[in-house]
Amino acid sequence: MKTKRLLSLDIMRGMTIVCMIIVNNGGGPQSYRHLGHSAWNGITVCDLVFPFFLFIMGVTTYISLAKTGFAPSSVSLRKIFRRTVLIMLIGWAIHWFANVCYGKGWLDFGHLRLTGVLTRIALCYGVVSLMALSMSRRAMGVTAAALLIVYGAILLLFNGYENDLSNVNAVVDRFLLSEGFLYTKRPVDPEGILGTVPAIAHTVIGFCCGALLMRKESLEVRLLKLFVVAALLLVGGFILSGILPENKRIWSPSYVLITCGMAAALLAAISYFTDVKGYRKGMAFFESFGVNPLFLYVLGDIAGIILGATHARQVIYDWILGWSVVPELASAIYAVSLMLVCGLVALPLYRRRIYIKI
């Protein structure tokens, strides 16, 4: 099955990677509110970045598997397994590298965070891909709804909104993982094990939106339908937030619906202007990040770790502060500068059509 490539997918994915690098690499302890995660309930701009990436991953997973007609062959299964394991191993390698850079032993594998952004990306990709090869689109949608309902009930029944160790997400993590493998910055791991369940449902929503985008209709009609889906997700999410407030750290069901709705609306808008109207001026920068997303995300993480461990980040941040700017602006300038350095790698790869597959 042949599918027409949508430039908007690469552009939106690139935008999310650009934002990921910026929000992950603040130069100082103070940052603008929307460049940091919400303290608990609520959504900042920073809280939109990861869910947008999972949504786009769901869309592109549909497009990728549609090329083989969703046939569960040994080749496709090996590819899914290989990619899932590789992404997970890269995530763990980054945590190990950070530990080494900050003074822990080279062979200290007993203090390695097993959860994290790449672990969640790997699990969501692997599970949703296997679902796509074994279930109908309708069954996947019903399963996603069931996962959100069950997870929402668990949150209500077992302290899911308590920001302490009694939270069911923290309880599950501590039951399944030993102390050395746990997230330590806050009581509740934002990429914990139980929270991956609604993240899988989140990716399925993106997958179903991908199915809508690839239907045999005019692109204008498909985008209009995507806008309608976005509106329904947003309305449903805001209604649900009265019972289950939107919360990124526990990946609450309302957070899933709201962020998927926002992502669908943004994708439809970008696609309308780029794929329908052909307005592409200035989009090459984001596209360059979008065609090598995980490689550039990892590059940004590695660069951030090295700069932090060598104290170069503090030196650069202090130098920026010397311009008589407020600490929040200095932190933002540092983060944007690091992203632009990654862009110096992204653009040449893009121009030479070098795509580093992970």
Protein backbone atom coordinates (compact mmCIF):
# COMPACT_ATOMS: atom_id res chain seq x y z
CA MET A 1 0.00 0.00 0.00
CA LYS A 2 1.56 3.28 -1.13
CA THR A 3 1.07 6.40 0.96
CA LYS A 4 1.84 9.98 0.08
CA ARG A 5 4.32 11.59 2.43
CA LEU A 6 2.98 14.63 4.26
CA LEU A 7 5.52 17.36 4.84
CA SER A 8 3.49 18.54 7.83
CA LEU A 9 4.39 15.38 9.78
CA ASP A 10 8.12 16.08 9.53
CA ILE A 11 7.59 19.76 10.35
CA MET A 12 5.48 19.09 13.44
CA ARG A 13 7.79 16.33 14.63
CA GLY A 14 10.72 18.70 14.13
CA MET A 15 8.95 21.39 16.16
CA THR A 16 8.51 18.95 19.04
CA ILE A 17 12.21 17.95 18.99
CA VAL A 18 13.27 21.61 18.91
CA CYS A 19 11.03 22.28 21.92
CA MET A 20 12.23 19.11 23.70
CA ILE A 21 15.84 20.25 23.48
CA ILE A 22 14.95 23.74 24.72
CA VAL A 23 12.83 22.67 27.71
CA ASN A 24 15.31 19.95 28.74
CA ASN A 25 18.32 22.28 28.80
CA GLY A 26 17.64 25.39 30.82
CA GLY A 27 20.85 27.16 31.76
CA GLY A 28 19.97 28.13 35.32
CA PRO A 29 17.70 27.26 38.24
CA GLN A 30 15.04 29.80 37.23
CA SER A 31 13.06 29.58 34.01
CA TYR A 32 9.90 31.01 32.53
CA ARG A 33 6.81 29.18 33.74
CA HIS A 34 5.90 27.75 30.36
CA LEU A 35 9.42 26.44 29.78
CA GLY A 36 9.03 24.22 32.82
CA HIS A 37 6.56 21.50 33.69
CA SER A 38 3.51 22.30 35.79
CA ALA A 39 4.09 21.67 39.49
CA TRP A 40 1.18 19.22 39.54
CA ASN A 41 -2.25 19.74 37.93
CA GLY A 42 -2.43 21.99 34.89
CA ILE A 43 -0.68 22.26 31.53
CA THR A 44 2.20 24.50 30.46
CA VAL A 45 3.72 24.75 26.98
CA CYS A 46 6.46 22.44 28.21
CA ASP A 47 3.83 19.84 29.10
CA LEU A 48 2.70 19.69 25.46
CA VAL A 49 6.02 18.62 23.95
CA PHE A 50 6.21 14.93 24.89
CA PRO A 51 2.51 14.16 24.23
CA PHE A 52 2.76 15.85 20.83
CA PHE A 53 5.70 13.57 19.99
CA LEU A 54 3.77 10.44 21.03
CA PHE A 55 0.78 11.58 18.98
CA ILE A 56 2.95 12.08 15.88
CA MET A 57 4.62 8.72 16.52
CA GLY A 58 1.18 7.12 16.47
CA VAL A 59 0.39 8.79 13.15
CA THR A 60 3.66 7.74 11.54
CA THR A 61 3.35 4.20 12.94
CA TYR A 62 0.10 3.84 10.99
CA ILE A 63 1.72 5.17 7.82
CA SER A 64 4.74 2.89 8.20
CA LEU A 65 2.76 -0.30 8.84
CA ALA A 66 0.21 0.54 6.14
CA LYS A 67 2.95 0.09 3.55
CA THR A 68 2.91 -3.66 4.26
CA GLY A 69 -0.84 -3.89 4.74
CA PHE A 70 -0.44 -4.51 8.49
CA ALA A 71 0.69 -8.04 7.72
CA PRO A 72 2.29 -9.66 10.82
CA SER A 73 5.30 -11.13 9.01
CA SER A 74 8.53 -12.27 10.66
CA VAL A 75 10.29 -9.33 9.00
CA SER A 76 7.91 -6.72 10.44
CA LEU A 77 7.95 -8.35 13.88
CA ARG A 78 11.76 -8.38 13.95
CA LYS A 79 11.83 -4.72 12.91
CA ILE A 80 9.40 -3.75 15.68
CA PHE A 81 11.26 -5.76 18.30
CA ARG A 82 14.65 -4.45 17.19
CA ARG A 83 13.56 -0.81 17.20
CA THR A 84 11.80 -1.13 20.56
CA VAL A 85 14.82 -2.68 22.25
CA LEU A 86 17.27 -0.28 20.58
CA ILE A 87 15.38 2.84 21.71
CA MET A 88 15.14 1.46 25.22
CA LEU A 89 18.85 0.62 25.35
CA ILE A 90 19.76 4.10 24.09
CA GLY A 91 17.66 5.62 26.87
CA TRP A 92 19.41 3.53 29.50
CA ALA A 93 22.81 4.30 27.96
CA ILE A 94 22.11 8.03 28.31
CA HIS A 95 21.28 7.57 32.01
CA TRP A 96 24.48 5.52 32.44
CA PHE A 97 26.51 8.20 30.64
CA ALA A 98 25.05 10.89 32.90
CA ASN A 99 25.94 8.85 35.99
CA VAL A 100 29.52 8.41 34.79
CA CYS A 101 29.89 12.10 33.94
CA TYR A 102 28.65 13.09 37.39
CA GLY A 103 31.06 10.87 39.27
CA LYS A 104 29.53 7.41 39.52
CA GLY A 105 31.54 4.35 38.51
CA TRP A 106 31.77 3.07 34.95
CA LEU A 107 30.45 -0.29 36.08
CA ASP A 108 27.82 1.03 38.47
CA PHE A 109 24.73 -0.41 36.83
CA GLY A 110 22.83 -0.65 40.10
CA HIS A 111 21.85 3.02 40.01
CA LEU A 112 20.44 3.26 36.51
CA ARG A 113 17.02 4.81 36.00
CA LEU A 114 15.06 2.27 33.96
CA THR A 115 12.13 4.54 33.22
CA GLY A 116 12.40 7.74 31.20
CA VAL A 117 11.33 9.44 27.99
CA LEU A 118 12.98 6.98 25.61
CA THR A 119 11.78 3.98 27.61
CA ARG A 120 8.22 5.24 27.32
CA ILE A 121 8.64 5.99 23.62
CA ALA A 122 9.97 2.48 23.05
CA LEU A 123 7.15 0.78 24.96
CA CYS A 124 4.43 2.85 23.29
CA TYR A 125 5.88 2.20 19.84
CA GLY A 126 6.30 -1.53 20.44
CA VAL A 127 2.89 -2.15 22.01
CA VAL A 128 0.92 -0.05 19.52
CA SER A 129 2.75 -1.61 16.57
CA LEU A 130 1.90 -5.12 17.81
CA MET A 131 -1.71 -4.06 18.38
CA ALA A 132 -1.87 -2.76 14.81
CA LEU A 133 -0.68 -6.11 13.44
CA SER A 134 -3.18 -8.13 15.45
CA MET A 135 -6.28 -5.94 15.88
CA SER A 136 -8.70 -3.94 13.76
CA ARG A 137 -8.68 -0.14 13.97
CA ARG A 138 -12.04 -0.25 15.76
CA ALA A 139 -10.72 -2.76 18.30
CA MET A 140 -7.68 -0.55 18.90
CA GLY A 141 -9.92 2.46 19.55
CA VAL A 142 -12.09 0.49 21.97
CA THR A 143 -8.97 -0.82 23.74
CA ALA A 144 -7.58 2.70 24.11
CA ALA A 145 -10.86 3.91 25.59
CA ALA A 146 -10.90 0.95 27.98
CA LEU A 147 -7.32 1.65 29.10
CA LEU A 148 -8.20 5.28 29.88
CA ILE A 149 -11.36 4.30 31.77
CA VAL A 150 -9.60 1.67 33.86
CA TYR A 151 -6.61 3.95 34.53
CA GLY A 152 -8.93 6.80 35.52
CA ALA A 153 -10.72 4.53 37.98
CA ILE A 154 -7.39 3.44 39.46
CA LEU A 155 -6.38 7.08 39.95
CA LEU A 156 -9.63 7.85 41.77
CA LEU A 157 -9.53 4.75 43.96
CA PHE A 158 -5.84 4.63 44.89
CA ASN A 159 -4.58 8.16 45.61
CA GLY A 160 -3.71 8.87 42.00
CA TYR A 161 -3.73 12.62 42.59
CA GLU A 162 -1.60 12.66 45.73
CA ASN A 163 1.84 14.13 45.10
CA ASP A 164 3.60 11.80 47.51
CA LEU A 165 4.69 8.18 47.89
CA SER A 166 1.09 7.05 48.52
CA ASN A 167 0.29 7.78 44.86
CA VAL A 168 -0.56 4.55 43.04
CA ASN A 169 2.02 5.34 40.35
CA ALA A 170 4.78 5.60 42.97
CA VAL A 171 3.52 2.45 44.70
CA VAL A 172 3.66 0.43 41.47
CA ASP A 173 7.15 1.70 40.58
CA ARG A 174 8.49 0.82 44.03
CA PHE A 175 6.85 -2.59 43.94
CA LEU A 176 8.31 -3.51 40.55
CA LEU A 177 11.71 -1.77 40.68
CA SER A 178 14.47 -1.78 43.27
CA GLU A 179 15.54 1.50 44.87
CA GLY A 180 18.55 2.07 42.62
CA PHE A 181 16.47 1.97 39.44
CA LEU A 182 13.90 4.55 40.56
CA TYR A 183 13.37 8.19 39.62
CA THR A 184 14.55 10.27 42.58
CA LYS A 185 13.79 13.94 41.82
CA ARG A 186 10.15 13.80 42.99
CA PRO A 187 7.86 11.25 44.66
CA VAL A 188 6.03 10.45 41.41
CA ASP A 189 8.01 9.48 38.32
CA PRO A 190 6.63 11.42 35.30
CA GLU A 191 7.51 8.44 33.08
CA GLY A 192 6.63 5.70 35.54
CA ILE A 193 5.46 2.18 34.70
CA LEU A 194 1.73 2.57 35.36
CA GLY A 195 1.60 5.93 33.57
CA THR A 196 2.76 4.17 30.40
CA VAL A 197 -0.71 2.58 30.13
CA PRO A 198 -2.52 5.85 29.27
CA ALA A 199 0.50 6.85 27.14
CA ILE A 200 -0.15 3.74 25.03
CA ALA A 201 -3.78 4.82 24.65
CA HIS A 202 -2.46 8.26 23.72
CA THR A 203 -0.34 6.76 20.94
CA VAL A 204 -3.31 4.73 19.70
CA ILE A 205 -5.29 7.96 19.29
CA GLY A 206 -2.47 9.29 17.13
CA PHE A 207 -2.51 6.01 15.19
CA CYS A 208 -6.25 6.33 14.53
CA CYS A 209 -5.75 9.94 13.40
CA GLY A 210 -3.10 8.61 11.03
CA ALA A 211 -5.69 6.21 9.60
CA LEU A 212 -8.03 9.16 9.08
CA LEU A 213 -5.30 11.17 7.33
CA MET A 214 -4.56 8.33 4.90
CA ARG A 215 -8.15 7.72 3.79
CA LYS A 216 -8.97 7.89 0.08
CA GLU A 217 -10.51 11.35 0.14
CA SER A 218 -9.25 14.79 -0.76
CA LEU A 219 -6.74 16.14 1.72
CA GLU A 220 -9.02 19.11 2.47
CA VAL A 221 -11.82 16.75 3.54
CA ARG A 222 -9.47 14.65 5.66
CA LEU A 223 -8.11 17.73 7.40
CA LEU A 224 -11.62 18.99 8.10
CA LYS A 225 -12.43 15.64 9.72
CA LEU A 226 -9.21 15.85 11.72
CA PHE A 227 -10.24 19.29 12.99
CA VAL A 228 -13.58 17.81 14.06
CA VAL A 229 -11.81 14.96 15.88
CA ALA A 230 -9.55 17.52 17.56
CA ALA A 231 -12.56 19.52 18.75
CA LEU A 232 -14.26 16.41 20.13
CA LEU A 233 -11.10 15.35 21.98
CA LEU A 234 -10.68 18.82 23.47
CA VAL A 235 -14.30 19.08 24.59
CA GLY A 236 -14.20 15.58 26.06
CA GLY A 237 -10.91 16.29 27.82
CA PHE A 238 -12.05 19.55 29.38
CA ILE A 239 -15.31 17.95 30.56
CA LEU A 240 -13.40 15.01 32.04
CA SER A 241 -10.96 17.36 33.77
CA GLY A 242 -13.74 18.27 36.20
CA ILE A 243 -13.39 14.75 37.62
CA LEU A 244 -9.83 13.87 36.63
CA PRO A 245 -7.80 17.09 36.33
CA GLU A 246 -5.22 17.33 33.56
CA ASN A 247 -1.87 16.25 34.95
CA LYS A 248 1.26 15.49 32.95
CA ARG A 249 3.15 13.74 35.75
CA ILE A 250 0.55 10.99 36.05
CA TRP A 251 -0.54 11.23 32.38
CA SER A 252 -4.18 11.56 33.42
CA PRO A 253 -6.98 10.62 30.97
CA SER A 254 -8.06 14.26 30.61
CA TYR A 255 -4.44 15.17 29.83
CA VAL A 256 -4.44 12.52 27.10
CA LEU A 257 -7.59 13.84 25.47
CA ILE A 258 -6.66 17.53 25.72
CA THR A 259 -3.12 17.13 24.41
CA CYS A 260 -4.20 14.75 21.63
CA GLY A 261 -6.86 17.28 20.65
CA MET A 262 -4.30 20.08 20.58
CA ALA A 263 -1.86 17.94 18.60
CA ALA A 264 -4.50 16.93 16.07
CA ALA A 265 -5.56 20.56 15.60
CA LEU A 266 -1.96 21.71 15.17
CA LEU A 267 -1.20 18.93 12.69
CA ALA A 268 -4.31 19.77 10.67
CA ALA A 269 -3.38 23.47 10.63
CA ILE A 270 0.23 22.82 9.58
CA SER A 271 -0.91 20.36 6.92
CA TYR A 272 -3.41 22.84 5.52
CA PHE A 273 -0.80 25.55 5.07
CA THR A 274 2.08 23.32 3.91
CA ASP A 275 0.50 20.33 2.13
CA VAL A 276 -2.58 22.06 0.72
CA LYS A 277 -1.55 25.70 0.24
CA GLY A 278 2.15 25.00 -0.29
CA TYR A 279 3.39 27.62 2.18
CA ARG A 280 6.76 26.09 3.06
CA LYS A 281 9.08 29.07 3.40
CA GLY A 282 11.16 28.83 6.56
CA MET A 283 9.99 25.30 7.35
CA ALA A 284 13.25 23.59 6.33
CA PHE A 285 14.75 24.23 9.78
CA PHE A 286 11.98 22.31 11.54
CA GLU A 287 11.90 19.67 8.83
CA SER A 288 15.63 19.07 9.37
CA PHE A 289 14.90 18.13 12.98
CA GLY A 290 11.84 16.12 11.97
CA VAL A 291 13.64 13.74 9.62
CA ASN A 292 16.22 12.76 12.27
CA PRO A 293 14.18 13.20 15.47
CA LEU A 294 15.54 10.64 17.91
CA PHE A 295 19.15 11.15 16.84
CA LEU A 296 18.90 14.90 17.48
CA TYR A 297 17.03 14.38 20.75
CA VAL A 298 19.84 12.10 21.93
CA LEU A 299 22.44 14.59 20.68
CA GLY A 300 20.79 17.35 22.71
CA ASP A 301 20.73 15.15 25.82
CA ILE A 302 24.38 14.14 25.47
CA ALA A 303 25.48 17.73 24.86
CA GLY A 304 23.50 18.91 27.88
CA ILE A 305 25.07 16.25 30.11
CA ILE A 306 28.63 17.10 29.01
CA LEU A 307 28.11 20.84 29.41
CA GLY A 308 26.63 20.32 32.86
CA ALA A 309 29.24 17.85 34.10
CA THR A 310 32.17 20.01 32.93
CA HIS A 311 30.61 23.15 34.47
CA ALA A 312 30.61 24.77 31.03
CA ARG A 313 26.87 25.33 31.36
CA GLN A 314 27.38 27.42 34.50
CA VAL A 315 30.16 29.44 32.87
CA ILE A 316 28.03 30.17 29.78
CA TYR A 317 24.97 30.96 31.90
CA ASP A 318 26.94 33.37 34.11
CA TRP A 319 28.35 35.04 30.99
CA ILE A 320 24.82 35.54 29.63
CA LEU A 321 23.73 36.92 33.00
CA GLY A 322 26.52 39.47 32.60
CA TRP A 323 24.48 41.02 29.81
CA SER A 324 22.20 42.40 32.56
CA VAL A 325 19.31 40.12 31.65
CA VAL A 326 16.95 38.50 34.16
CA PRO A 327 17.80 34.91 35.20
CA GLU A 328 14.78 33.48 33.35
CA LEU A 329 15.87 35.07 30.07
CA ALA A 330 19.47 33.95 30.57
CA SER A 331 18.28 30.38 31.09
CA ALA A 332 16.13 30.56 27.95
CA ILE A 333 18.96 32.04 25.84
CA TYR A 334 21.25 29.20 26.92
CA ALA A 335 18.63 26.58 26.02
CA VAL A 336 17.87 28.09 22.62
CA SER A 337 21.60 28.38 21.90
CA LEU A 338 22.11 24.68 22.61
CA MET A 339 19.20 23.85 20.30
CA LEU A 340 20.74 25.99 17.54
CA VAL A 341 24.04 24.14 17.94
CA CYS A 342 22.11 20.91 17.36
CA GLY A 343 20.67 22.65 14.31
CA LEU A 344 24.19 22.99 12.94
CA VAL A 345 24.19 19.20 12.81
CA ALA A 346 20.58 18.82 11.67
CA LEU A 347 20.71 21.08 8.62
CA PRO A 348 23.74 19.49 6.87
CA LEU A 349 22.26 16.02 7.40
CA TYR A 350 18.96 17.23 5.96
CA ARG A 351 20.55 18.88 2.93
CA ARG A 352 22.54 15.73 2.17
CA ARG A 353 19.43 13.59 2.74
CA ILE A 354 21.16 11.60 5.46
CA TYR A 355 18.56 10.01 7.71
CA ILE A 356 19.83 8.28 10.83
CA LYS A 357 17.29 5.58 11.61
CA ILE A 358 16.88 4.41 15.17
